[in-house]
Amino acid sequence: MLKQIHHEPCSYYQFGNKIEAEKNDYERLMETGIRIPKMLAIDMEHERILKEYIDGPTIYDLVLREEMKPEYLEQVREMCKVLYPAGLNIDYFPTNFVVQNGLIYYIDYECNGYMEEWNFENWGIKYWSKTKEFLEYAEQHP
């Protein structure tokens, strides 16, 4: 899978060197041992990353189709048990997780310093079932 870094304006967040951040975040996540796609190549000049393709539905699609399984929640909570002590949060939005052969993979490399308000229990879980927040997002992004 090829990821091209893009530079859209964002009023609530200031980005630094995005390709360097992706590279650093990948290395930090690899150290945790959570399931992520392997980085196969990186082109710093053109801001492109070639990563292993993880084939399967996203958690978002599974929630939409009402095919979400309790073991996927258990698996993300197991990831949290490794990430929190490492001082990290990942982007828990369900489009960032793919299920392959019954295992969830975090397919993004973005991670940030741990903040309780952005952890899975306080933010991410709101989008892992058909909650008000999930349904509003789905309506706005058909």
N, C-alpha and C. Protein backbone atom coordinates (compact mmCIF):
# COMPACT_ATOMS: atom_id res chain seq x y z
N MET A 1 0.85 -1.16 0.00
CA MET A 1 0.00 0.00 0.00
C MET A 1 0.90 1.23 0.00
N LEU A 2 0.57 2.19 -0.81
CA LEU A 2 1.34 3.42 -0.89
C LEU A 2 0.60 4.55 -0.17
N LYS A 3 1.30 5.22 0.72
CA LYS A 3 0.72 6.38 1.41
C LYS A 3 1.48 7.62 0.97
N GLN A 4 0.76 8.59 0.44
CA GLN A 4 1.33 9.87 0.06
C GLN A 4 0.95 10.87 1.14
N ILE A 5 1.94 11.50 1.74
CA ILE A 5 1.67 12.52 2.76
C ILE A 5 1.02 13.72 2.08
N HIS A 6 0.01 14.25 2.71
CA HIS A 6 -0.67 15.45 2.19
C HIS A 6 -0.65 16.53 3.27
N HIS A 7 -0.84 17.74 2.85
CA HIS A 7 -0.70 18.89 3.76
C HIS A 7 -1.95 19.75 3.74
N GLU A 8 -3.03 19.22 4.31
CA GLU A 8 -4.26 19.99 4.39
C GLU A 8 -4.21 20.92 5.60
N PRO A 9 -4.84 22.08 5.51
CA PRO A 9 -4.86 22.97 6.68
C PRO A 9 -5.71 22.36 7.80
N CYS A 10 -5.28 22.59 9.02
CA CYS A 10 -6.01 22.07 10.18
C CYS A 10 -5.99 23.14 11.27
N SER A 11 -7.18 23.62 11.63
CA SER A 11 -7.27 24.74 12.56
C SER A 11 -6.93 24.36 14.00
N TYR A 12 -7.09 23.09 14.37
CA TYR A 12 -6.92 22.69 15.77
C TYR A 12 -5.63 21.93 16.04
N TYR A 13 -4.80 21.73 15.03
CA TYR A 13 -3.59 20.94 15.22
C TYR A 13 -2.48 21.49 14.34
N GLN A 14 -1.29 21.62 14.89
CA GLN A 14 -0.13 22.12 14.15
C GLN A 14 0.78 20.94 13.80
N PHE A 15 0.99 20.73 12.50
CA PHE A 15 1.84 19.64 12.06
C PHE A 15 3.26 20.13 11.86
N GLY A 16 4.21 19.29 12.19
CA GLY A 16 5.61 19.57 11.91
C GLY A 16 5.99 18.88 10.61
N ASN A 17 7.12 18.21 10.61
CA ASN A 17 7.58 17.45 9.45
C ASN A 17 6.83 16.11 9.46
N LYS A 18 5.82 15.99 8.62
CA LYS A 18 4.91 14.84 8.68
C LYS A 18 5.59 13.52 8.30
N ILE A 19 6.45 13.54 7.29
CA ILE A 19 7.10 12.29 6.87
C ILE A 19 8.08 11.81 7.95
N GLU A 20 8.77 12.74 8.56
CA GLU A 20 9.69 12.39 9.65
C GLU A 20 8.91 11.86 10.85
N ALA A 21 7.76 12.48 11.12
CA ALA A 21 6.91 12.02 12.22
C ALA A 21 6.40 10.60 11.96
N GLU A 22 6.00 10.31 10.72
CA GLU A 22 5.53 8.96 10.38
C GLU A 22 6.63 7.93 10.61
N LYS A 23 7.83 8.27 10.18
CA LYS A 23 8.98 7.37 10.33
C LYS A 23 9.26 7.12 11.82
N ASN A 24 9.28 8.18 12.60
CA ASN A 24 9.52 8.06 14.04
C ASN A 24 8.40 7.29 14.75
N ASP A 25 7.16 7.57 14.35
CA ASP A 25 6.02 6.88 14.96
C ASP A 25 6.06 5.39 14.64
N TYR A 26 6.41 5.06 13.40
CA TYR A 26 6.54 3.65 13.03
C TYR A 26 7.55 2.95 13.94
N GLU A 27 8.68 3.58 14.13
CA GLU A 27 9.73 2.98 14.97
C GLU A 27 9.25 2.81 16.41
N ARG A 28 8.54 3.82 16.93
CA ARG A 28 8.02 3.71 18.31
C ARG A 28 6.99 2.59 18.42
N LEU A 29 6.11 2.48 17.41
CA LEU A 29 5.10 1.43 17.45
C LEU A 29 5.71 0.04 17.29
N MET A 30 6.73 -0.08 16.46
CA MET A 30 7.42 -1.36 16.31
C MET A 30 7.99 -1.82 17.64
N GLU A 31 8.51 -0.89 18.42
CA GLU A 31 9.07 -1.23 19.73
C GLU A 31 8.01 -1.78 20.69
N THR A 32 6.75 -1.36 20.52
CA THR A 32 5.69 -1.84 21.42
C THR A 32 5.27 -3.26 21.09
N GLY A 33 5.43 -3.66 19.84
CA GLY A 33 5.03 -5.01 19.44
C GLY A 33 3.57 -5.14 19.03
N ILE A 34 2.82 -4.03 18.97
CA ILE A 34 1.43 -4.16 18.51
C ILE A 34 1.46 -4.50 17.01
N ARG A 35 0.35 -5.07 16.53
CA ARG A 35 0.29 -5.46 15.12
C ARG A 35 0.09 -4.23 14.24
N ILE A 36 1.08 -3.96 13.39
CA ILE A 36 1.01 -2.89 12.40
C ILE A 36 1.61 -3.43 11.10
N PRO A 37 1.27 -2.82 9.96
CA PRO A 37 1.90 -3.26 8.72
C PRO A 37 3.37 -2.87 8.68
N LYS A 38 4.18 -3.73 8.09
CA LYS A 38 5.61 -3.43 7.96
C LYS A 38 5.81 -2.28 6.99
N MET A 39 6.75 -1.39 7.32
CA MET A 39 7.14 -0.34 6.39
C MET A 39 8.16 -0.98 5.44
N LEU A 40 7.83 -0.99 4.16
CA LEU A 40 8.69 -1.63 3.18
C LEU A 40 9.70 -0.66 2.58
N ALA A 41 9.31 0.61 2.45
CA ALA A 41 10.20 1.63 1.90
C ALA A 41 9.66 3.00 2.29
N ILE A 42 10.57 3.97 2.31
CA ILE A 42 10.17 5.35 2.59
C ILE A 42 10.96 6.27 1.67
N ASP A 43 10.25 7.20 1.04
CA ASP A 43 10.85 8.21 0.16
C ASP A 43 10.67 9.55 0.87
N MET A 44 11.70 9.96 1.58
CA MET A 44 11.62 11.19 2.39
C MET A 44 11.39 12.42 1.50
N GLU A 45 12.06 12.48 0.36
CA GLU A 45 11.97 13.65 -0.52
C GLU A 45 10.57 13.85 -1.08
N HIS A 46 9.94 12.77 -1.53
CA HIS A 46 8.60 12.87 -2.13
C HIS A 46 7.49 12.55 -1.13
N GLU A 47 7.87 12.30 0.11
CA GLU A 47 6.93 12.06 1.21
C GLU A 47 5.97 10.91 0.90
N ARG A 48 6.57 9.75 0.60
CA ARG A 48 5.79 8.55 0.32
C ARG A 48 6.28 7.40 1.18
N ILE A 49 5.32 6.58 1.60
CA ILE A 49 5.64 5.39 2.39
C ILE A 49 4.98 4.20 1.71
N LEU A 50 5.77 3.16 1.52
CA LEU A 50 5.24 1.90 1.00
C LEU A 50 5.13 0.96 2.19
N LYS A 51 3.91 0.50 2.47
CA LYS A 51 3.70 -0.40 3.60
C LYS A 51 3.02 -1.68 3.16
N GLU A 52 3.22 -2.68 3.97
CA GLU A 52 2.58 -3.97 3.77
C GLU A 52 1.06 -3.77 3.72
N TYR A 53 0.41 -4.47 2.79
CA TYR A 53 -1.05 -4.41 2.67
C TYR A 53 -1.67 -5.43 3.62
N ILE A 54 -2.57 -4.97 4.46
CA ILE A 54 -3.31 -5.85 5.36
C ILE A 54 -4.71 -5.99 4.77
N ASP A 55 -5.04 -7.19 4.33
CA ASP A 55 -6.29 -7.43 3.63
C ASP A 55 -7.39 -7.79 4.62
N GLY A 56 -8.50 -7.06 4.53
CA GLY A 56 -9.64 -7.36 5.38
C GLY A 56 -10.49 -6.12 5.58
N PRO A 57 -11.62 -6.30 6.25
CA PRO A 57 -12.51 -5.16 6.51
C PRO A 57 -11.97 -4.30 7.66
N THR A 58 -12.35 -3.03 7.63
CA THR A 58 -12.02 -2.16 8.75
C THR A 58 -13.04 -2.37 9.86
N ILE A 59 -12.65 -2.00 11.06
CA ILE A 59 -13.60 -2.04 12.18
C ILE A 59 -14.80 -1.15 11.85
N TYR A 60 -14.56 -0.02 11.20
CA TYR A 60 -15.64 0.88 10.80
C TYR A 60 -16.68 0.13 9.95
N ASP A 61 -16.20 -0.60 8.93
CA ASP A 61 -17.11 -1.36 8.06
C ASP A 61 -17.86 -2.43 8.84
N LEU A 62 -17.16 -3.09 9.76
CA LEU A 62 -17.81 -4.13 10.56
C LEU A 62 -18.90 -3.54 11.45
N VAL A 63 -18.65 -2.38 12.02
CA VAL A 63 -19.69 -1.73 12.84
C VAL A 63 -20.89 -1.38 11.97
N LEU A 64 -20.62 -0.81 10.79
CA LEU A 64 -21.72 -0.45 9.88
C LEU A 64 -22.57 -1.67 9.52
N ARG A 65 -21.92 -2.81 9.26
CA ARG A 65 -22.62 -4.03 8.84
C ARG A 65 -23.11 -4.86 10.02
N GLU A 66 -22.92 -4.34 11.23
CA GLU A 66 -23.31 -5.05 12.45
C GLU A 66 -22.65 -6.42 12.55
N GLU A 67 -21.34 -6.45 12.21
CA GLU A 67 -20.56 -7.67 12.26
C GLU A 67 -19.40 -7.56 13.25
N MET A 68 -19.49 -6.59 14.13
CA MET A 68 -18.45 -6.39 15.14
C MET A 68 -18.47 -7.54 16.13
N LYS A 69 -17.28 -8.00 16.52
CA LYS A 69 -17.18 -9.11 17.47
C LYS A 69 -16.50 -8.64 18.75
N PRO A 70 -16.92 -9.18 19.89
CA PRO A 70 -16.32 -8.77 21.18
C PRO A 70 -14.80 -8.98 21.22
N GLU A 71 -14.29 -9.98 20.51
CA GLU A 71 -12.85 -10.23 20.55
C GLU A 71 -12.04 -9.10 19.92
N TYR A 72 -12.65 -8.30 19.03
CA TYR A 72 -11.92 -7.16 18.47
C TYR A 72 -11.73 -6.07 19.53
N LEU A 73 -12.75 -5.88 20.36
CA LEU A 73 -12.61 -4.95 21.48
C LEU A 73 -11.56 -5.45 22.47
N GLU A 74 -11.56 -6.75 22.72
CA GLU A 74 -10.56 -7.33 23.61
C GLU A 74 -9.15 -7.09 23.06
N GLN A 75 -9.00 -7.25 21.75
CA GLN A 75 -7.69 -7.08 21.14
C GLN A 75 -7.20 -5.63 21.21
N VAL A 76 -8.09 -4.66 20.99
CA VAL A 76 -7.63 -3.27 21.08
C VAL A 76 -7.30 -2.94 22.53
N ARG A 77 -8.01 -3.51 23.47
CA ARG A 77 -7.70 -3.28 24.89
C ARG A 77 -6.35 -3.90 25.25
N GLU A 78 -6.01 -5.03 24.63
CA GLU A 78 -4.68 -5.63 24.83
C GLU A 78 -3.61 -4.69 24.28
N MET A 79 -3.88 -4.06 23.15
CA MET A 79 -2.93 -3.08 22.60
C MET A 79 -2.74 -1.93 23.59
N CYS A 80 -3.83 -1.48 24.19
CA CYS A 80 -3.76 -0.38 25.15
C CYS A 80 -2.88 -0.74 26.35
N LYS A 81 -2.92 -2.00 26.77
CA LYS A 81 -2.11 -2.44 27.91
C LYS A 81 -0.62 -2.31 27.63
N VAL A 82 -0.25 -2.28 26.36
CA VAL A 82 1.14 -2.10 25.96
C VAL A 82 1.43 -0.62 25.69
N LEU A 83 0.48 0.04 25.04
CA LEU A 83 0.69 1.43 24.62
C LEU A 83 0.71 2.41 25.80
N TYR A 84 -0.22 2.30 26.71
CA TYR A 84 -0.30 3.25 27.81
C TYR A 84 0.97 3.28 28.66
N PRO A 85 1.49 2.13 29.09
CA PRO A 85 2.74 2.17 29.85
C PRO A 85 3.93 2.72 29.04
N ALA A 86 3.83 2.61 27.70
CA ALA A 86 4.88 3.18 26.84
C ALA A 86 4.68 4.68 26.64
N GLY A 87 3.59 5.22 27.22
CA GLY A 87 3.31 6.66 27.11
C GLY A 87 2.73 7.05 25.77
N LEU A 88 1.98 6.14 25.13
CA LEU A 88 1.47 6.41 23.78
C LEU A 88 -0.03 6.24 23.67
N ASN A 89 -0.61 7.07 22.82
CA ASN A 89 -1.95 6.88 22.29
C ASN A 89 -1.81 6.72 20.79
N ILE A 90 -2.69 5.93 20.20
CA ILE A 90 -2.79 5.84 18.75
C ILE A 90 -4.12 6.46 18.35
N ASP A 91 -4.37 6.56 17.05
CA ASP A 91 -5.64 7.10 16.58
C ASP A 91 -6.64 5.94 16.57
N TYR A 92 -7.50 5.91 17.56
CA TYR A 92 -8.41 4.79 17.76
C TYR A 92 -9.63 4.82 16.86
N PHE A 93 -9.69 5.74 15.91
CA PHE A 93 -10.84 5.77 15.01
C PHE A 93 -10.89 4.45 14.23
N PRO A 94 -12.07 3.86 14.07
CA PRO A 94 -12.18 2.49 13.54
C PRO A 94 -11.73 2.28 12.09
N THR A 95 -11.58 3.35 11.32
CA THR A 95 -11.06 3.18 9.96
C THR A 95 -9.58 2.86 9.98
N ASN A 96 -8.92 3.04 11.11
CA ASN A 96 -7.49 2.78 11.24
C ASN A 96 -7.18 1.34 11.66
N PHE A 97 -8.19 0.49 11.75
CA PHE A 97 -8.00 -0.89 12.17
C PHE A 97 -8.62 -1.83 11.14
N VAL A 98 -7.83 -2.82 10.74
CA VAL A 98 -8.27 -3.83 9.77
C VAL A 98 -8.20 -5.19 10.45
N VAL A 99 -9.20 -6.02 10.16
CA VAL A 99 -9.23 -7.38 10.68
C VAL A 99 -8.77 -8.33 9.58
N GLN A 100 -7.73 -9.08 9.88
CA GLN A 100 -7.23 -10.10 8.96
C GLN A 100 -7.08 -11.41 9.74
N ASN A 101 -7.76 -12.44 9.27
CA ASN A 101 -7.70 -13.75 9.92
C ASN A 101 -8.01 -13.67 11.42
N GLY A 102 -9.00 -12.85 11.77
CA GLY A 102 -9.44 -12.74 13.16
C GLY A 102 -8.60 -11.85 14.05
N LEU A 103 -7.53 -11.25 13.49
CA LEU A 103 -6.66 -10.37 14.27
C LEU A 103 -6.78 -8.93 13.78
N ILE A 104 -6.80 -7.97 14.73
CA ILE A 104 -6.85 -6.58 14.32
C ILE A 104 -5.44 -6.03 14.18
N TYR A 105 -5.28 -5.18 13.18
CA TYR A 105 -4.03 -4.48 12.89
C TYR A 105 -4.32 -2.99 12.90
N TYR A 106 -3.44 -2.23 13.53
CA TYR A 106 -3.50 -0.77 13.46
C TYR A 106 -2.74 -0.40 12.20
N ILE A 107 -3.44 0.09 11.17
CA ILE A 107 -2.82 0.28 9.87
C ILE A 107 -2.23 1.67 9.66
N ASP A 108 -2.45 2.56 10.60
CA ASP A 108 -1.83 3.89 10.55
C ASP A 108 -0.56 3.81 11.38
N TYR A 109 0.31 4.78 11.24
CA TYR A 109 1.50 4.82 12.11
C TYR A 109 1.42 5.96 13.11
N GLU A 110 0.39 6.79 13.01
CA GLU A 110 0.30 7.95 13.90
C GLU A 110 0.19 7.52 15.35
N CYS A 111 1.01 8.12 16.18
CA CYS A 111 0.87 7.95 17.62
C CYS A 111 1.30 9.26 18.29
N ASN A 112 0.81 9.46 19.47
CA ASN A 112 1.08 10.69 20.22
C ASN A 112 1.34 10.33 21.67
N GLY A 113 1.88 11.28 22.40
CA GLY A 113 2.06 11.08 23.82
C GLY A 113 0.72 10.80 24.49
N TYR A 114 0.74 9.94 25.49
CA TYR A 114 -0.49 9.54 26.15
C TYR A 114 -1.16 10.72 26.84
N MET A 115 -2.45 10.87 26.56
CA MET A 115 -3.32 11.81 27.27
C MET A 115 -4.62 11.06 27.55
N GLU A 116 -5.04 11.07 28.79
CA GLU A 116 -6.22 10.30 29.18
C GLU A 116 -7.46 10.64 28.35
N GLU A 117 -7.64 11.92 28.02
CA GLU A 117 -8.85 12.29 27.29
C GLU A 117 -8.91 11.68 25.89
N TRP A 118 -7.74 11.28 25.33
CA TRP A 118 -7.70 10.72 23.97
C TRP A 118 -7.42 9.22 23.99
N ASN A 119 -7.49 8.57 25.14
CA ASN A 119 -7.25 7.14 25.16
C ASN A 119 -8.47 6.40 24.61
N PHE A 120 -8.36 5.08 24.51
CA PHE A 120 -9.44 4.31 23.92
C PHE A 120 -10.73 4.41 24.73
N GLU A 121 -10.63 4.29 26.03
CA GLU A 121 -11.82 4.28 26.88
C GLU A 121 -12.57 5.61 26.87
N ASN A 122 -11.86 6.71 26.72
CA ASN A 122 -12.51 8.03 26.78
C ASN A 122 -12.86 8.61 25.42
N TRP A 123 -12.22 8.13 24.36
CA TRP A 123 -12.51 8.69 23.03
C TRP A 123 -12.78 7.61 22.00
N GLY A 124 -11.84 6.71 21.81
CA GLY A 124 -11.94 5.73 20.73
C GLY A 124 -13.18 4.87 20.77
N ILE A 125 -13.53 4.39 21.95
CA ILE A 125 -14.65 3.45 22.07
C ILE A 125 -15.96 4.05 21.57
N LYS A 126 -16.06 5.35 21.55
CA LYS A 126 -17.28 6.02 21.07
C LYS A 126 -17.58 5.68 19.62
N TYR A 127 -16.57 5.19 18.89
CA TYR A 127 -16.73 4.91 17.47
C TYR A 127 -16.64 3.42 17.13
N TRP A 128 -16.61 2.55 18.13
CA TRP A 128 -16.47 1.11 17.90
C TRP A 128 -17.80 0.37 18.02
N SER A 129 -18.90 1.12 18.04
CA SER A 129 -20.24 0.56 17.99
C SER A 129 -21.15 1.66 17.46
N LYS A 130 -22.39 1.35 17.25
CA LYS A 130 -23.32 2.33 16.66
C LYS A 130 -23.80 3.33 17.71
N THR A 131 -22.86 4.10 18.21
CA THR A 131 -23.17 5.15 19.17
C THR A 131 -23.68 6.38 18.42
N LYS A 132 -24.12 7.36 19.17
CA LYS A 132 -24.53 8.63 18.57
C LYS A 132 -23.39 9.24 17.75
N GLU A 133 -22.17 9.22 18.31
CA GLU A 133 -21.01 9.80 17.63
C GLU A 133 -20.70 9.06 16.32
N PHE A 134 -20.77 7.73 16.39
CA PHE A 134 -20.52 6.92 15.18
C PHE A 134 -21.56 7.22 14.11
N LEU A 135 -22.82 7.21 14.48
CA LEU A 135 -23.90 7.43 13.52
C LEU A 135 -23.85 8.83 12.91
N GLU A 136 -23.49 9.84 13.72
CA GLU A 136 -23.34 11.19 13.18
C GLU A 136 -22.20 11.24 12.15
N TYR A 137 -21.09 10.60 12.47
CA TYR A 137 -19.96 10.57 11.53
C TYR A 137 -20.37 9.86 10.24
N ALA A 138 -21.02 8.71 10.36
CA ALA A 138 -21.44 7.93 9.19
C ALA A 138 -22.40 8.72 8.31
N GLU A 139 -23.27 9.50 8.94
CA GLU A 139 -24.22 10.32 8.17
C GLU A 139 -23.49 11.43 7.41
N GLN A 140 -22.47 12.01 8.03
CA GLN A 140 -21.73 13.12 7.41
C GLN A 140 -20.71 12.64 6.39
N HIS A 141 -20.37 11.34 6.39
CA HIS A 141 -19.36 10.78 5.49
C HIS A 141 -19.89 9.51 4.82
N PRO A 142 -20.90 9.68 3.97
CA PRO A 142 -21.52 8.48 3.35
C PRO A 142 -20.59 7.76 2.38
